[in-house]
N, C-alpha and C. Protein backbone atom coordinates (compact mmCIF):
# COMPACT_ATOMS: atom_id res chain seq x y z
N MET A 1 14.61 43.13 -39.61
CA MET A 1 13.83 41.94 -39.59
C MET A 1 12.93 42.14 -40.80
N LYS A 2 12.66 40.82 -41.53
CA LYS A 2 11.75 40.98 -42.64
C LYS A 2 10.35 40.96 -42.20
N GLY A 3 9.30 41.28 -43.07
CA GLY A 3 8.08 41.48 -42.82
C GLY A 3 7.44 40.15 -42.38
N GLY A 4 7.70 38.95 -42.89
CA GLY A 4 7.13 37.73 -42.43
C GLY A 4 7.70 37.28 -41.13
N GLU A 5 9.00 37.67 -40.76
CA GLU A 5 9.51 37.36 -39.47
C GLU A 5 8.97 38.25 -38.40
N ILE A 6 8.46 39.44 -38.87
CA ILE A 6 8.00 40.39 -37.84
C ILE A 6 6.47 39.76 -37.43
N LEU A 7 5.67 39.34 -38.47
CA LEU A 7 4.31 39.03 -38.41
C LEU A 7 4.53 37.51 -37.47
N LYS A 8 5.52 36.79 -37.83
CA LYS A 8 5.45 35.45 -37.08
C LYS A 8 5.75 35.60 -35.63
N ASP A 9 6.77 36.62 -35.32
CA ASP A 9 7.13 37.06 -33.94
C ASP A 9 5.87 37.58 -33.08
N ALA A 10 5.21 38.58 -33.83
CA ALA A 10 3.99 39.15 -33.28
C ALA A 10 2.93 38.12 -33.04
N GLY A 11 2.86 37.29 -34.14
CA GLY A 11 1.87 36.18 -33.96
C GLY A 11 2.19 35.19 -32.76
N GLN A 12 3.40 34.96 -32.60
CA GLN A 12 3.65 33.91 -31.52
C GLN A 12 3.43 34.74 -30.30
N GLU A 13 3.72 36.06 -30.03
CA GLU A 13 3.30 36.67 -28.76
C GLU A 13 1.80 36.66 -28.49
N ILE A 14 0.94 36.98 -29.61
CA ILE A 14 -0.44 36.97 -29.51
C ILE A 14 -1.02 35.55 -29.06
N SER A 15 -0.31 34.55 -29.81
CA SER A 15 -0.89 33.10 -29.38
C SER A 15 -0.36 32.82 -27.93
N GLN A 16 0.73 33.19 -27.50
CA GLN A 16 0.99 32.94 -26.13
C GLN A 16 -0.04 33.74 -25.14
N ALA A 17 -0.25 34.96 -25.54
CA ALA A 17 -1.38 35.68 -24.61
C ALA A 17 -2.57 34.94 -24.60
N ILE A 18 -3.08 34.47 -25.67
CA ILE A 18 -4.40 33.71 -25.82
C ILE A 18 -4.29 32.39 -24.82
N SER A 19 -3.08 31.67 -24.97
CA SER A 19 -3.00 30.49 -24.25
C SER A 19 -3.00 30.88 -22.76
N ASP A 20 -2.34 32.00 -22.32
CA ASP A 20 -2.27 32.56 -20.91
C ASP A 20 -3.79 32.81 -20.44
N ILE A 21 -4.46 33.47 -21.36
CA ILE A 21 -5.90 33.86 -21.02
C ILE A 21 -6.77 32.57 -20.81
N ASN A 22 -6.43 31.58 -21.55
CA ASN A 22 -7.31 30.24 -21.41
C ASN A 22 -6.77 29.70 -20.27
N SER A 23 -5.61 29.64 -19.85
CA SER A 23 -5.10 29.20 -18.63
C SER A 23 -5.81 29.85 -17.47
N ALA A 24 -5.93 31.17 -17.46
CA ALA A 24 -6.51 32.01 -16.31
C ALA A 24 -7.83 31.53 -16.34
N LEU A 25 -8.55 31.39 -17.28
CA LEU A 25 -9.96 31.01 -17.35
C LEU A 25 -10.28 29.71 -16.63
N GLY A 26 -9.27 28.88 -16.88
CA GLY A 26 -9.39 27.47 -16.26
C GLY A 26 -9.00 27.35 -14.95
N SER A 27 -8.20 28.50 -14.38
CA SER A 27 -7.68 28.28 -13.00
C SER A 27 -8.67 28.53 -11.89
N SER A 28 -8.51 27.83 -10.78
CA SER A 28 -9.34 27.71 -9.77
C SER A 28 -8.97 28.80 -8.64
N SER A 29 -7.64 29.28 -8.78
CA SER A 29 -7.12 30.28 -7.75
C SER A 29 -7.00 31.58 -8.30
N GLN A 30 -7.35 32.43 -7.52
CA GLN A 30 -7.38 33.93 -8.00
C GLN A 30 -5.89 34.34 -8.15
N SER A 31 -5.04 33.85 -7.51
CA SER A 31 -3.63 34.16 -7.64
C SER A 31 -3.02 33.70 -8.96
N PHE A 32 -3.41 32.44 -9.30
CA PHE A 32 -3.01 31.95 -10.64
C PHE A 32 -3.68 32.65 -11.72
N TYR A 33 -5.03 32.90 -11.57
CA TYR A 33 -5.71 33.65 -12.64
C TYR A 33 -5.21 35.09 -12.75
N MET A 34 -4.61 35.75 -11.77
CA MET A 34 -4.10 37.10 -12.04
C MET A 34 -2.73 36.98 -12.54
N ASN A 35 -2.06 35.97 -12.13
CA ASN A 35 -0.70 35.88 -12.90
C ASN A 35 -0.74 35.59 -14.33
N TYR A 36 -1.65 34.61 -14.78
CA TYR A 36 -1.82 34.33 -16.08
C TYR A 36 -2.34 35.65 -16.99
N LEU A 37 -3.27 36.45 -16.33
CA LEU A 37 -3.69 37.59 -17.00
C LEU A 37 -2.51 38.63 -17.20
N LYS A 38 -1.80 38.77 -16.21
CA LYS A 38 -0.52 39.57 -16.25
C LYS A 38 0.42 39.15 -17.30
N ARG A 39 0.58 37.89 -17.33
CA ARG A 39 1.42 37.33 -18.57
C ARG A 39 0.93 37.65 -19.84
N SER A 40 -0.32 37.50 -19.97
CA SER A 40 -0.92 37.71 -21.21
C SER A 40 -0.83 39.20 -21.81
N VAL A 41 -0.97 40.14 -20.78
CA VAL A 41 -1.00 41.49 -21.06
C VAL A 41 0.46 41.74 -21.49
N LYS A 42 1.63 41.13 -20.94
CA LYS A 42 2.92 41.27 -21.28
C LYS A 42 3.17 40.75 -22.66
N HIS A 43 2.57 39.70 -22.94
CA HIS A 43 2.79 39.25 -24.49
C HIS A 43 1.98 40.03 -25.40
N LEU A 44 0.94 40.59 -25.03
CA LEU A 44 0.20 41.54 -25.92
C LEU A 44 0.98 42.85 -26.22
N ALA A 45 1.57 43.31 -25.15
CA ALA A 45 2.44 44.50 -25.12
C ALA A 45 3.61 44.23 -25.98
N GLU A 46 4.25 43.07 -25.88
CA GLU A 46 5.41 42.77 -26.77
C GLU A 46 5.06 42.69 -28.24
N ALA A 47 3.85 42.12 -28.62
CA ALA A 47 3.38 41.97 -29.94
C ALA A 47 3.31 43.43 -30.45
N VAL A 48 2.54 44.25 -29.66
CA VAL A 48 2.46 45.65 -30.11
C VAL A 48 3.78 46.34 -30.30
N ALA A 49 4.64 46.17 -29.55
CA ALA A 49 6.00 46.92 -29.64
C ALA A 49 6.63 46.28 -30.91
N ILE A 50 6.51 45.07 -31.33
CA ILE A 50 7.14 44.44 -32.52
C ILE A 50 6.43 45.18 -33.64
N LEU A 51 5.10 45.29 -33.58
CA LEU A 51 4.45 45.88 -34.76
C LEU A 51 4.70 47.32 -34.84
N ASN A 52 4.93 48.07 -33.86
CA ASN A 52 5.21 49.51 -33.73
C ASN A 52 6.59 49.80 -34.39
N GLU A 53 7.59 48.90 -33.88
CA GLU A 53 8.92 49.16 -34.51
C GLU A 53 8.94 48.82 -36.01
N ASN A 54 8.28 47.91 -36.52
CA ASN A 54 8.02 47.54 -37.91
C ASN A 54 7.51 48.80 -38.57
N GLN A 55 6.41 49.44 -38.04
CA GLN A 55 5.83 50.54 -38.63
C GLN A 55 6.68 51.73 -38.76
N ARG A 56 7.64 51.94 -37.71
CA ARG A 56 8.59 52.93 -37.51
C ARG A 56 9.57 52.80 -38.78
N GLU A 57 10.02 51.52 -39.09
CA GLU A 57 10.86 51.06 -39.98
C GLU A 57 10.44 51.42 -41.45
N LEU A 58 9.07 51.03 -41.59
CA LEU A 58 8.54 51.32 -42.86
C LEU A 58 8.24 52.79 -43.14
N ASN A 59 7.99 53.70 -41.96
CA ASN A 59 7.91 54.93 -42.34
C ASN A 59 9.16 55.69 -42.54
N ASP A 60 10.29 55.13 -42.06
CA ASP A 60 11.61 55.73 -42.27
C ASP A 60 12.03 55.56 -43.77
N ARG A 61 11.55 54.30 -44.27
CA ARG A 61 12.02 53.96 -45.63
C ARG A 61 11.15 54.84 -46.57
N ILE A 62 9.96 55.07 -46.25
CA ILE A 62 9.12 55.95 -47.17
C ILE A 62 9.62 57.40 -47.15
N SER A 63 9.94 57.92 -45.93
CA SER A 63 10.37 59.38 -45.95
C SER A 63 11.77 59.60 -46.65
């Protein structure tokens, strides 16, 4: 995966996490609130995983 694609994919995950957080804040139901927050954490974790994989690939190229 190229650098631009990696940043785009990570950015999409972060954008979705922000959207889920905004939905959680607008939710009147505690159940929906928690579900949106759980989804946002999953998206943030995926973004971190994408960036970590990219870092490993860069480190391998340098070594």
